[in-house]
Amino acid sequence: MARLRPPESRSGSRILGVGVYRPTRVVGNDEICDRIDSSDEWIRRRSGIVTRRFAGPDETVVSMAAEAARKALAQSGTHPSEVGMVLLATMSFLEQAPSAAPRVAHLLGAHSAGSLDVSAACSGFSYALGLADSLVRSGDARTVVVVGSEKMSDIVDPEDRGTAFLFGDGAGAVVVGPSDTPGVGPVVWGSDGERHHLIAHDRTWLDVRRTPDPWPTLRMAGPEVFRWATQVVPEISRQAMEQAGVEVADLAAFIPHQANARIIDAAAKSLGLAPHTVVAKNVVTAGNTSAASIPLAMDELLSQGALSGGDLALLVGFGAGLAHAAQVVMLP
């Protein structure tokens, strides 16, 4: 009987380049406050957010993703023809079919690449990065483009006091390729579907077909989500470090999903990070950009010179689902 030939496996993968797209429109807290009966002081105290960016009509999930991915390809020195897979993490793309990733691949010129959307909300980038690592190590794809792209302003009610001040728009991407030594640690992931309702749309598309108004928007049980996040982020962070074989003192950076400055501070304190470990907190100027937040924060730290290639960073995604994922990576 004939036997199938296994793919040529590789010992590891690593991030080769990073790219981002930030919408041009900057929105301060005062503009948000006009519609939610709040104040700049209250928003800063609750979330740490001062500004966020909102995409315009011509800045879409697809166009922002493609621009971020182009920059990541250029930085990594990767030609589009070398891309074997495009993974797009998003929760704000408004078309169920076809998915957005094939359009991104087309715009990149990666015409022979496989492509698919990853729907894991705010942990989507970490999920997609875990999949990219597996694809490269298994030999199923030599190079993978991983993108997080969100236009959260499309799915958030500007008059909802619980969410309107939190979210922003943008995209971030990395290129993952083969490495003689592992540059992406094992992913630790999970979910708690029993509590899916804590972050969810208030109506389904079936409801919209029956009654068009109001438009479905994201709702969140803030206090409950805060308690869950401050518990799960340190837990999976420690598991990811253990799986990668590193200690807290080995980390040059802690780059969690930029949900809320209070969650980031609480997780950093619980982990007992070393004084030299840089903690990403671009939520202050970018807001919560869901699946785009980790690569956006990573790019900011690298651009500022706060980190160097080869440094180890702990990435942690968490959010709707309730899904979560973490891994230690070597920075490009």
C-alpha atoms as a PDB file:
ATOM      1  CA  MET A   1       0.000   0.000   0.000  1.00  0.00           C
ATOM      2  CA  ALA A   2       1.302   3.457  -0.907  1.00  0.00           C
ATOM      3  CA  ARG A   3       2.234   5.777   1.953  1.00  0.00           C
ATOM      4  CA  LEU A   4       1.866   9.531   2.009  1.00  0.00           C
ATOM      5  CA  ARG A   5       5.009  11.571   2.089  1.00  0.00           C
ATOM      6  CA  PRO A   6       5.194  13.860   5.154  1.00  0.00           C
ATOM      7  CA  PRO A   7       6.011  17.551   4.617  1.00  0.00           C
ATOM      8  CA  GLU A   8       9.552  18.730   5.221  1.00  0.00           C
ATOM      9  CA  SER A   9       9.421  19.946   8.810  1.00  0.00           C
ATOM     10  CA  ARG A  10      11.551  22.731  10.263  1.00  0.00           C
ATOM     11  CA  SER A  11      13.018  23.193  13.712  1.00  0.00           C
ATOM     12  CA  GLY A  12      11.480  26.580  14.358  1.00  0.00           C
ATOM     13  CA  SER A  13       9.951  29.813  13.111  1.00  0.00           C
ATOM     14  CA  ARG A  14      10.447  33.457  13.976  1.00  0.00           C
ATOM     15  CA  ILE A  15       9.031  36.903  13.298  1.00  0.00           C
ATOM     16  CA  LEU A  16      10.957  38.446  10.406  1.00  0.00           C
ATOM     17  CA  GLY A  17       9.309  41.853  10.174  1.00  0.00           C
ATOM     18  CA  VAL A  18       6.570  44.097  11.569  1.00  0.00           C
ATOM     19  CA  GLY A  19       4.323  46.676   9.886  1.00  0.00           C
ATOM     20  CA  VAL A  20       1.375  48.810  10.972  1.00  0.00           C
ATOM     21  CA  TYR A  21      -1.307  51.118   9.689  1.00  0.00           C
ATOM     22  CA  ARG A  22      -2.698  53.880  11.895  1.00  0.00           C
ATOM     23  CA  PRO A  23      -5.728  55.849  10.643  1.00  0.00           C
ATOM     24  CA  THR A  24      -5.135  59.571  10.253  1.00  0.00           C
ATOM     25  CA  ARG A  25      -8.014  60.816  12.402  1.00  0.00           C
ATOM     26  CA  VAL A  26      -7.104  61.217  16.078  1.00  0.00           C
ATOM     27  CA  VAL A  27     -10.085  61.383  18.460  1.00  0.00           C
ATOM     28  CA  GLY A  28      -9.648  62.803  21.947  1.00  0.00           C
ATOM     29  CA  ASN A  29     -11.721  62.053  25.005  1.00  0.00           C
ATOM     30  CA  ASP A  30     -13.627  65.337  24.815  1.00  0.00           C
ATOM     31  CA  GLU A  31     -15.199  64.304  21.523  1.00  0.00           C
ATOM     32  CA  ILE A  32     -16.286  60.973  23.011  1.00  0.00           C
ATOM     33  CA  CYS A  33     -17.637  62.618  26.172  1.00  0.00           C
ATOM     34  CA  ASP A  34     -20.082  64.721  24.192  1.00  0.00           C
ATOM     35  CA  ARG A  35     -22.161  61.593  23.514  1.00  0.00           C
ATOM     36  CA  ILE A  36     -21.822  59.492  26.681  1.00  0.00           C
ATOM     37  CA  ASP A  37     -22.282  62.011  29.513  1.00  0.00           C
ATOM     38  CA  SER A  38     -18.772  61.465  30.827  1.00  0.00           C
ATOM     39  CA  SER A  39     -15.518  63.361  31.322  1.00  0.00           C
ATOM     40  CA  ASP A  40     -11.899  63.172  30.242  1.00  0.00           C
ATOM     41  CA  GLU A  41     -10.895  62.562  33.858  1.00  0.00           C
ATOM     42  CA  TRP A  42     -13.324  59.644  34.224  1.00  0.00           C
ATOM     43  CA  ILE A  43     -12.121  57.976  31.012  1.00  0.00           C
ATOM     44  CA  ARG A  44      -8.460  58.338  31.966  1.00  0.00           C
ATOM     45  CA  ARG A  45      -9.090  56.952  35.429  1.00  0.00           C
ATOM     46  CA  ARG A  46     -11.110  53.980  34.188  1.00  0.00           C
ATOM     47  CA  SER A  47      -8.970  53.023  31.190  1.00  0.00           C
ATOM     48  CA  GLY A  48      -5.872  55.189  30.865  1.00  0.00           C
ATOM     49  CA  ILE A  49      -6.992  56.166  27.367  1.00  0.00           C
ATOM     50  CA  VAL A  50      -6.368  59.732  26.190  1.00  0.00           C
ATOM     51  CA  THR A  51      -6.818  59.373  22.422  1.00  0.00           C
ATOM     52  CA  ARG A  52      -7.733  56.758  19.866  1.00  0.00           C
ATOM     53  CA  ARG A  53      -7.899  56.713  16.048  1.00  0.00           C
ATOM     54  CA  PHE A  54     -11.027  56.292  13.956  1.00  0.00           C
ATOM     55  CA  ALA A  55     -10.811  55.128  10.360  1.00  0.00           C
ATOM     56  CA  GLY A  56     -12.497  57.083   7.603  1.00  0.00           C
ATOM     57  CA  PRO A  57     -14.789  55.705   4.875  1.00  0.00           C
ATOM     58  CA  ASP A  58     -11.837  54.745   2.671  1.00  0.00           C
ATOM     59  CA  GLU A  59      -9.907  53.090   5.493  1.00  0.00           C
ATOM     60  CA  THR A  60     -11.326  49.579   5.693  1.00  0.00           C
ATOM     61  CA  VAL A  61     -10.395  46.373   7.488  1.00  0.00           C
ATOM     62  CA  VAL A  62      -9.004  45.104   4.175  1.00  0.00           C
ATOM     63  CA  SER A  63      -7.129  48.235   3.102  1.00  0.00           C
ATOM     64  CA  MET A  64      -5.584  48.791   6.535  1.00  0.00           C
ATOM     65  CA  ALA A  65      -4.552  45.135   6.743  1.00  0.00           C
ATOM     66  CA  ALA A  66      -2.946  45.233   3.311  1.00  0.00           C
ATOM     67  CA  GLU A  67      -0.964  48.379   4.091  1.00  0.00           C
ATOM     68  CA  ALA A  68       0.316  46.974   7.402  1.00  0.00           C
ATOM     69  CA  ALA A  69       1.244  43.693   5.701  1.00  0.00           C
ATOM     70  CA  ARG A  70       3.089  45.500   2.877  1.00  0.00           C
ATOM     71  CA  LYS A  71       5.269  47.244   5.441  1.00  0.00           C
ATOM     72  CA  ALA A  72       5.945  43.974   7.283  1.00  0.00           C
ATOM     73  CA  LEU A  73       6.940  42.271   4.026  1.00  0.00           C
ATOM     74  CA  ALA A  74       9.241  45.158   3.131  1.00  0.00           C
ATOM     75  CA  GLN A  75      10.908  45.133   6.533  1.00  0.00           C
ATOM     76  CA  SER A  76      11.446  41.378   6.386  1.00  0.00           C
ATOM     77  CA  GLY A  77      12.737  41.454   2.819  1.00  0.00           C
ATOM     78  CA  THR A  78      10.060  38.980   1.763  1.00  0.00           C
ATOM     79  CA  HIS A  79       8.632  39.011  -1.771  1.00  0.00           C
ATOM     80  CA  PRO A  80       4.849  38.439  -2.022  1.00  0.00           C
ATOM     81  CA  SER A  81       5.468  35.362  -4.167  1.00  0.00           C
ATOM     82  CA  GLU A  82       7.165  33.724  -1.158  1.00  0.00           C
ATOM     83  CA  VAL A  83       4.041  33.990   1.032  1.00  0.00           C
ATOM     84  CA  GLY A  84       2.346  30.650   1.580  1.00  0.00           C
ATOM     85  CA  MET A  85      -0.501  31.783   3.833  1.00  0.00           C
ATOM     86  CA  VAL A  86      -2.219  35.009   4.907  1.00  0.00           C
ATOM     87  CA  LEU A  87      -3.976  34.869   8.283  1.00  0.00           C
ATOM     88  CA  LEU A  88      -6.181  37.858   9.120  1.00  0.00           C
ATOM     89  CA  ALA A  89      -7.425  38.222  12.689  1.00  0.00           C
ATOM     90  CA  THR A  90     -10.471  40.490  12.931  1.00  0.00           C
ATOM     91  CA  MET A  91     -13.794  40.823  14.739  1.00  0.00           C
ATOM     92  CA  SER A  92     -15.044  43.902  12.892  1.00  0.00           C
ATOM     93  CA  PHE A  93     -15.159  42.788   9.250  1.00  0.00           C
ATOM     94  CA  LEU A  94     -18.827  43.097   8.338  1.00  0.00           C
ATOM     95  CA  GLU A  95     -19.070  40.485   5.569  1.00  0.00           C
ATOM     96  CA  GLN A  96     -19.349  36.830   6.547  1.00  0.00           C
ATOM     97  CA  ALA A  97     -18.551  35.638   3.037  1.00  0.00           C
ATOM     98  CA  PRO A  98     -16.210  35.890   1.368  1.00  0.00           C
ATOM     99  CA  SER A  99     -13.680  36.421   4.108  1.00  0.00           C
ATOM    100  CA  ALA A 100     -11.311  39.370   4.104  1.00  0.00           C
ATOM    101  CA  ALA A 101      -7.975  37.511   3.966  1.00  0.00           C
ATOM    102  CA  PRO A 102      -8.154  36.515   0.260  1.00  0.00           C
ATOM    103  CA  ARG A 103      -8.645  40.191  -0.638  1.00  0.00           C
ATOM    104  CA  VAL A 104      -5.633  41.146   1.450  1.00  0.00           C
ATOM    105  CA  ALA A 105      -3.545  38.448  -0.248  1.00  0.00           C
ATOM    106  CA  HIS A 106      -4.647  39.780  -3.649  1.00  0.00           C
ATOM    107  CA  LEU A 107      -3.708  43.363  -2.761  1.00  0.00           C
ATOM    108  CA  LEU A 108      -0.305  42.161  -1.580  1.00  0.00           C
ATOM    109  CA  GLY A 109       0.327  40.304  -4.821  1.00  0.00           C
ATOM    110  CA  ALA A 110       0.493  36.988  -2.951  1.00  0.00           C
ATOM    111  CA  HIS A 111      -1.639  35.339  -5.608  1.00  0.00           C
ATOM    112  CA  SER A 112      -0.720  31.746  -4.819  1.00  0.00           C
ATOM    113  CA  ALA A 113      -1.054  32.050  -1.041  1.00  0.00           C
ATOM    114  CA  GLY A 114      -3.704  30.359   1.023  1.00  0.00           C
ATOM    115  CA  SER A 115      -5.753  32.762   3.109  1.00  0.00           C
ATOM    116  CA  LEU A 116      -8.321  32.745   5.879  1.00  0.00           C
ATOM    117  CA  ASP A 117      -9.817  34.908   8.609  1.00  0.00           C
ATOM    118  CA  VAL A 118      -9.271  34.076  12.275  1.00  0.00           C
ATOM    119  CA  SER A 119     -12.219  35.000  14.471  1.00  0.00           C
ATOM    120  CA  ALA A 120     -10.946  35.079  18.042  1.00  0.00           C
ATOM    121  CA  ALA A 121     -11.646  38.745  18.822  1.00  0.00           C
ATOM    122  CA  CYS A 122      -9.005  40.468  20.960  1.00  0.00           C
ATOM    123  CA  SER A 123      -6.895  37.314  21.237  1.00  0.00           C
ATOM    124  CA  GLY A 124      -7.048  36.772  17.468  1.00  0.00           C
ATOM    125  CA  PHE A 125      -3.497  37.917  16.747  1.00  0.00           C
ATOM    126  CA  SER A 126      -2.019  35.520  19.304  1.00  0.00           C
ATOM    127  CA  TYR A 127      -4.156  32.685  17.931  1.00  0.00           C
ATOM    128  CA  ALA A 128      -3.084  33.457  14.363  1.00  0.00           C
ATOM    129  CA  LEU A 129       0.568  33.700  15.382  1.00  0.00           C
ATOM    130  CA  GLY A 130       0.312  30.267  16.992  1.00  0.00           C
ATOM    131  CA  LEU A 131      -1.171  28.875  13.778  1.00  0.00           C
ATOM    132  CA  ALA A 132       1.547  30.557  11.696  1.00  0.00           C
ATOM    133  CA  ASP A 133       4.274  28.987  13.823  1.00  0.00           C
ATOM    134  CA  SER A 134       2.724  25.541  13.328  1.00  0.00           C
ATOM    135  CA  LEU A 135       2.372  26.047   9.569  1.00  0.00           C
ATOM    136  CA  VAL A 136       5.994  27.059   9.158  1.00  0.00           C
ATOM    137  CA  ARG A 137       7.412  24.346  11.426  1.00  0.00           C
ATOM    138  CA  SER A 138       5.301  21.645   9.758  1.00  0.00           C
ATOM    139  CA  GLY A 139       6.454  22.724   6.316  1.00  0.00           C
ATOM    140  CA  ASP A 140       2.928  23.474   5.116  1.00  0.00           C
ATOM    141  CA  ALA A 141       3.907  27.107   4.471  1.00  0.00           C
ATOM    142  CA  ARG A 142       7.376  28.595   4.196  1.00  0.00           C
ATOM    143  CA  THR A 143       6.302  32.150   5.024  1.00  0.00           C
ATOM    144  CA  VAL A 144       3.091  33.338   6.710  1.00  0.00           C
ATOM    145  CA  VAL A 145       1.704  36.857   6.946  1.00  0.00           C
ATOM    146  CA  VAL A 146      -0.217  37.398  10.198  1.00  0.00           C
ATOM    147  CA  VAL A 147      -2.404  40.498  10.376  1.00  0.00           C
ATOM    148  CA  GLY A 148      -4.703  41.975  12.994  1.00  0.00           C
ATOM    149  CA  SER A 149      -6.980  44.596  11.481  1.00  0.00           C
ATOM    150  CA  GLU A 150      -9.964  46.261  13.116  1.00  0.00           C
ATOM    151  CA  LYS A 151     -12.454  49.005  12.390  1.00  0.00           C
ATOM    152  CA  MET A 152     -14.088  48.898  15.799  1.00  0.00           C
ATOM    153  CA  SER A 153     -15.864  52.197  15.164  1.00  0.00           C
ATOM    154  CA  ASP A 154     -18.194  50.216  12.871  1.00  0.00           C
ATOM    155  CA  ILE A 155     -19.404  47.894  15.635  1.00  0.00           C
ATOM    156  CA  VAL A 156     -19.398  50.102  18.739  1.00  0.00           C
ATOM    157  CA  ASP A 157     -22.323  52.315  19.740  1.00  0.00           C
ATOM    158  CA  PRO A 158     -20.931  55.871  20.109  1.00  0.00           C
ATOM    159  CA  GLU A 159     -23.562  56.503  22.806  1.00  0.00           C
ATOM    160  CA  ASP A 160     -22.859  53.396  24.900  1.00  0.00           C
ATOM    161  CA  ARG A 161     -21.128  54.563  28.074  1.00  0.00           C
ATOM    162  CA  GLY A 162     -19.577  51.137  28.646  1.00  0.00           C
ATOM    163  CA  THR A 163     -17.715  50.780  25.330  1.00  0.00           C
ATOM    164  CA  ALA A 164     -17.669  54.030  23.324  1.00  0.00           C
ATOM    165  CA  PHE A 165     -14.545  55.409  24.997  1.00  0.00           C
ATOM    166  CA  LEU A 166     -12.546  52.175  24.816  1.00  0.00           C
ATOM    167  CA  PHE A 167     -12.132  51.205  21.194  1.00  0.00           C
ATOM    168  CA  GLY A 168     -10.104  52.454  18.257  1.00  0.00           C
ATOM    169  CA  ASP A 169      -9.182  51.405  14.724  1.00  0.00           C
ATOM    170  CA  GLY A 170      -5.962  50.258  13.081  1.00  0.00           C
ATOM    171  CA  ALA A 171      -3.940  47.326  11.779  1.00  0.00           C
ATOM    172  CA  GLY A 172      -0.678  45.560  12.552  1.00  0.00           C
ATOM    173  CA  ALA A 173       1.100  42.705  10.801  1.00  0.00           C
ATOM    174  CA  VAL A 174       4.095  40.414  11.126  1.00  0.00           C
ATOM    175  CA  VAL A 175       5.827  38.060   8.715  1.00  0.00           C
ATOM    176  CA  VAL A 176       6.673  34.627  10.139  1.00  0.00           C
ATOM    177  CA  GLY A 177       9.316  32.487   8.472  1.00  0.00           C
ATOM    178  CA  PRO A 178      11.608  29.522   9.163  1.00  0.00           C
ATOM    179  CA  SER A 179      14.401  29.653  11.719  1.00  0.00           C
ATOM    180  CA  ASP A 180      17.165  27.254  12.714  1.00  0.00           C
ATOM    181  CA  THR A 181      16.249  27.899  16.344  1.00  0.00           C
ATOM    182  CA  PRO A 182      12.740  28.562  17.712  1.00  0.00           C
ATOM    183  CA  GLY A 183      11.788  32.254  17.730  1.00  0.00           C
ATOM    184  CA  VAL A 184       8.113  31.711  18.535  1.00  0.00           C
ATOM    185  CA  GLY A 185       7.426  29.800  21.709  1.00  0.00           C
ATOM    186  CA  PRO A 186       4.608  27.292  22.195  1.00  0.00           C
ATOM    187  CA  VAL A 187       1.196  28.932  22.285  1.00  0.00           C
ATOM    188  CA  VAL A 188      -0.941  28.503  25.392  1.00  0.00           C
ATOM    189  CA  TRP A 189      -4.576  29.052  24.553  1.00  0.00           C
ATOM    190  CA  GLY A 190      -8.079  28.398  25.818  1.00  0.00           C
ATOM    191  CA  SER A 191     -11.573  29.801  26.168  1.00  0.00           C
ATOM    192  CA  ASP A 192     -14.546  30.021  28.504  1.00  0.00           C
ATOM    193  CA  GLY A 193     -17.607  29.830  26.264  1.00  0.00           C
ATOM    194  CA  GLU A 194     -19.950  29.613  29.229  1.00  0.00           C
ATOM    195  CA  ARG A 195     -19.326  33.317  29.792  1.00  0.00           C
ATOM    196  CA  HIS A 196     -19.405  34.360  26.141  1.00  0.00           C
ATOM    197  CA  HIS A 197     -22.172  36.856  26.889  1.00  0.00           C
ATOM    198  CA  LEU A 198     -19.823  39.122  28.860  1.00  0.00           C
ATOM    199  CA  ILE A 199     -18.529  40.590  25.559  1.00  0.00           C
ATOM    200  CA  ALA A 200     -21.046  40.193  22.766  1.00  0.00           C
ATOM    201  CA  HIS A 201     -23.183  41.898  20.149  1.00  0.00           C
ATOM    202  CA  ASP A 202     -26.575  42.937  21.435  1.00  0.00           C
ATOM    203  CA  ARG A 203     -28.400  41.594  18.338  1.00  0.00           C
ATOM    204  CA  THR A 204     -27.818  38.918  15.695  1.00  0.00           C
ATOM    205  CA  TRP A 205     -27.915  39.369  11.925  1.00  0.00           C
ATOM    206  CA  LEU A 206     -31.120  37.308  11.927  1.00  0.00           C
ATOM    207  CA  ASP A 207     -32.629  39.970  14.171  1.00  0.00           C
ATOM    208  CA  VAL A 208     -31.527  42.602  11.658  1.00  0.00           C
ATOM    209  CA  ARG A 209     -33.267  40.793   8.803  1.00  0.00           C
ATOM    210  CA  ARG A 210     -36.498  40.811  10.785  1.00  0.00           C
ATOM    211  CA  THR A 211     -36.147  44.327  12.175  1.00  0.00           C
ATOM    212  CA  PRO A 212     -33.392  46.463  10.589  1.00  0.00           C
ATOM    213  CA  ASP A 213     -33.081  48.946  13.453  1.00  0.00           C
ATOM    214  CA  PRO A 214     -31.167  49.310  15.659  1.00  0.00           C
ATOM    215  CA  TRP A 215     -27.769  48.367  14.236  1.00  0.00           C
ATOM    216  CA  PRO A 216     -26.108  45.506  16.233  1.00  0.00           C
ATOM    217  CA  THR A 217     -23.321  46.823  18.439  1.00  0.00           C
ATOM    218  CA  LEU A 218     -20.814  45.419  20.890  1.00  0.00           C
ATOM    219  CA  ARG A 219     -21.701  45.351  24.569  1.00  0.00           C
ATOM    220  CA  MET A 220     -19.442  44.478  27.495  1.00  0.00           C
ATOM    221  CA  ALA A 221     -19.936  43.722  31.177  1.00  0.00           C
ATOM    222  CA  GLY A 222     -16.934  45.792  32.238  1.00  0.00           C
ATOM    223  CA  PRO A 223     -16.459  44.817  35.913  1.00  0.00           C
ATOM    224  CA  GLU A 224     -16.864  41.087  35.211  1.00  0.00           C
ATOM    225  CA  VAL A 225     -14.454  41.213  32.268  1.00  0.00           C
ATOM    226  CA  PHE A 226     -11.931  43.147  34.358  1.00  0.00           C
ATOM    227  CA  ARG A 227     -11.992  40.485  37.089  1.00  0.00           C
ATOM    228  CA  TRP A 228     -11.632  37.678  34.546  1.00  0.00           C
ATOM    229  CA  ALA A 229      -8.782  39.362  32.659  1.00  0.00           C
ATOM    230  CA  THR A 230      -6.737  40.211  35.740  1.00  0.00           C
ATOM    231  CA  GLN A 231      -6.913  36.545  36.723  1.00  0.00           C
ATOM    232  CA  VAL A 232      -6.365  34.821  33.373  1.00  0.00           C
ATOM    233  CA  VAL A 233      -3.583  37.031  31.971  1.00  0.00           C
ATOM    234  CA  PRO A 234      -1.034  36.230  34.714  1.00  0.00           C
ATOM    235  CA  GLU A 235      -2.025  32.549  34.633  1.00  0.00           C
ATOM    236  CA  ILE A 236      -1.472  32.007  30.915  1.00  0.00           C
ATOM    237  CA  SER A 237       1.590  34.266  30.963  1.00  0.00           C
ATOM    238  CA  ARG A 238       3.287  31.978  33.464  1.00  0.00           C
ATOM    239  CA  GLN A 239       2.250  28.919  31.456  1.00  0.00           C
ATOM    240  CA  ALA A 240       3.650  30.415  28.245  1.00  0.00           C
ATOM    241  CA  MET A 241       6.970  31.221  29.912  1.00  0.00           C
ATOM    242  CA  GLU A 242       7.174  27.706  31.345  1.00  0.00           C
ATOM    243  CA  GLN A 243       6.435  26.163  27.947  1.00  0.00           C
ATOM    244  CA  ALA A 244       9.090  28.363  26.327  1.00  0.00           C
ATOM    245  CA  GLY A 245      11.645  27.561  29.031  1.00  0.00           C
ATOM    246  CA  VAL A 246      12.241  31.173  30.083  1.00  0.00           C
ATOM    247  CA  GLU A 247      12.090  33.036  33.377  1.00  0.00           C
ATOM    248  CA  VAL A 248      10.471  36.383  34.130  1.00  0.00           C
ATOM    249  CA  ALA A 249      13.906  38.018  34.257  1.00  0.00           C
ATOM    250  CA  ASP A 250      14.572  36.872  30.657  1.00  0.00           C
ATOM    251  CA  LEU A 251      11.797  39.066  29.278  1.00  0.00           C
ATOM    252  CA  ALA A 252      12.784  42.321  27.604  1.00  0.00           C
ATOM    253  CA  ALA A 253       9.134  43.228  27.051  1.00  0.00           C
ATOM    254  CA  PHE A 254       5.607  42.437  28.158  1.00  0.00           C
ATOM    255  CA  ILE A 255       3.198  43.142  25.284  1.00  0.00           C
ATOM    256  CA  PRO A 256      -0.351  42.233  26.283  1.00  0.00           C
ATOM    257  CA  HIS A 257      -3.519  43.051  24.389  1.00  0.00           C
ATOM    258  CA  GLN A 258      -4.105  46.754  24.937  1.00  0.00           C
ATOM    259  CA  ALA A 259      -7.538  46.477  26.539  1.00  0.00           C
ATOM    260  CA  ASN A 260      -7.207  48.790  29.481  1.00  0.00           C
ATOM    261  CA  ALA A 261      -4.254  50.361  31.317  1.00  0.00           C
ATOM    262  CA  ARG A 262      -5.568  49.105  34.661  1.00  0.00           C
ATOM    263  CA  ILE A 263      -5.596  45.492  33.427  1.00  0.00           C
ATOM    264  CA  ILE A 264      -2.060  45.873  32.045  1.00  0.00           C
ATOM    265  CA  ASP A 265      -0.775  47.341  35.321  1.00  0.00           C
ATOM    266  CA  ALA A 266      -2.451  44.642  37.410  1.00  0.00           C
ATOM    267  CA  ALA A 267      -1.035  41.836  35.244  1.00  0.00           C
ATOM    268  CA  ALA A 268       2.471  43.326  35.251  1.00  0.00           C
ATOM    269  CA  LYS A 269       2.392  43.621  39.043  1.00  0.00           C
ATOM    270  CA  SER A 270       1.120  40.050  39.470  1.00  0.00           C
ATOM    271  CA  LEU A 271       3.899  38.684  37.251  1.00  0.00           C
ATOM    272  CA  GLY A 272       6.593  40.515  39.203  1.00  0.00           C
ATOM    273  CA  LEU A 273       8.347  41.756  36.087  1.00  0.00           C
ATOM    274  CA  ALA A 274      12.000  42.771  36.313  1.00  0.00           C
ATOM    275  CA  PRO A 275      12.874  46.495  36.315  1.00  0.00           C
ATOM    276  CA  HIS A 276      14.409  46.197  32.834  1.00  0.00           C
ATOM    277  CA  THR A 277      11.247  44.687  31.283  1.00  0.00           C
ATOM    278  CA  VAL A 278       9.429  47.209  29.113  1.00  0.00           C
ATOM    279  CA  VAL A 279       5.645  47.133  29.486  1.00  0.00           C
ATOM    280  CA  ALA A 280       3.695  48.110  26.363  1.00  0.00           C
ATOM    281  CA  LYS A 281       0.963  50.622  27.059  1.00  0.00           C
ATOM    282  CA  ASN A 282       0.039  52.266  23.790  1.00  0.00           C
ATOM    283  CA  VAL A 283      -3.610  51.893  24.796  1.00  0.00           C
ATOM    284  CA  VAL A 284      -3.113  55.457  26.083  1.00  0.00           C
ATOM    285  CA  THR A 285      -2.892  56.856  22.551  1.00  0.00           C
ATOM    286  CA  ALA A 286      -4.467  54.084  20.441  1.00  0.00           C
ATOM    287  CA  GLY A 287      -7.320  52.795  22.571  1.00  0.00           C
ATOM    288  CA  ASN A 288      -8.377  49.154  22.422  1.00  0.00           C
ATOM    289  CA  THR A 289      -7.840  48.010  18.836  1.00  0.00           C
ATOM    290  CA  SER A 290      -8.797  44.378  19.512  1.00  0.00           C
ATOM    291  CA  ALA A 291      -6.833  41.962  17.277  1.00  0.00           C
ATOM    292  CA  ALA A 292      -4.591  44.774  16.026  1.00  0.00           C
ATOM    293  CA  SER A 293      -3.396  45.903  19.444  1.00  0.00           C
ATOM    294  CA  ILE A 294      -0.438  43.564  20.015  1.00  0.00           C
ATOM    295  CA  PRO A 295       1.376  44.216  16.701  1.00  0.00           C
ATOM    296  CA  LEU A 296       0.614  47.944  16.994  1.00  0.00           C
ATOM    297  CA  ALA A 297       2.157  47.999  20.479  1.00  0.00           C
ATOM    298  CA  MET A 298       5.107  45.886  19.348  1.00  0.00           C
ATOM    299  CA  ASP A 299       5.861  48.225  16.458  1.00  0.00           C
ATOM    300  CA  GLU A 300       5.691  51.279  18.710  1.00  0.00           C
ATOM    301  CA  LEU A 301       8.252  49.866  21.153  1.00  0.00           C
ATOM    302  CA  LEU A 302      10.596  48.829  18.335  1.00  0.00           C
ATOM    303  CA  SER A 303      10.235  52.195  16.581  1.00  0.00           C
ATOM    304  CA  GLN A 304      11.036  54.052  19.803  1.00  0.00           C
ATOM    305  CA  GLY A 305      14.227  52.066  20.234  1.00  0.00           C
ATOM    306  CA  ALA A 306      13.024  50.620  23.518  1.00  0.00           C
ATOM    307  CA  LEU A 307      13.711  47.088  22.240  1.00  0.00           C
ATOM    308  CA  SER A 308      16.190  45.396  19.940  1.00  0.00           C
ATOM    309  CA  GLY A 309      16.113  42.476  17.545  1.00  0.00           C
ATOM    310  CA  GLY A 310      16.532  39.199  19.390  1.00  0.00           C
ATOM    311  CA  ASP A 311      14.920  40.461  22.586  1.00  0.00           C
ATOM    312  CA  LEU A 312      12.314  38.195  24.155  1.00  0.00           C
ATOM    313  CA  ALA A 313       8.767  39.472  24.526  1.00  0.00           C
ATOM    314  CA  LEU A 314       5.736  37.912  26.174  1.00  0.00           C
ATOM    315  CA  LEU A 315       2.575  38.389  24.097  1.00  0.00           C
ATOM    316  CA  VAL A 316      -0.863  37.856  25.649  1.00  0.00           C
ATOM    317  CA  GLY A 317      -4.254  38.151  23.967  1.00  0.00           C
ATOM    318  CA  PHE A 318      -7.600  38.003  25.774  1.00  0.00           C
ATOM    319  CA  GLY A 319     -11.169  39.063  25.149  1.00  0.00           C
ATOM    320  CA  ALA A 320     -14.527  38.023  23.695  1.00  0.00           C
ATOM    321  CA  GLY A 321     -15.171  34.327  23.745  1.00  0.00           C
ATOM    322  CA  LEU A 322     -13.909  34.419  26.451  1.00  0.00           C
ATOM    323  CA  ALA A 323     -10.806  33.407  24.487  1.00  0.00           C
ATOM    324  CA  HIS A 324      -7.179  33.861  25.512  1.00  0.00           C
ATOM    325  CA  ALA A 325      -3.714  32.980  24.185  1.00  0.00           C
ATOM    326  CA  ALA A 326      -0.090  33.698  25.024  1.00  0.00           C
ATOM    327  CA  GLN A 327       3.391  32.977  23.709  1.00  0.00           C
ATOM    328  CA  VAL A 328       6.962  34.171  24.147  1.00  0.00           C
ATOM    329  CA  VAL A 329       8.580  35.447  20.939  1.00  0.00           C
ATOM    330  CA  MET A 330      11.949  36.668  19.771  1.00  0.00           C
ATOM    331  CA  LEU A 331      11.559  40.159  18.338  1.00  0.00           C
ATOM    332  CA  PRO A 332      12.767  40.905  14.781  1.00  0.00           C
END
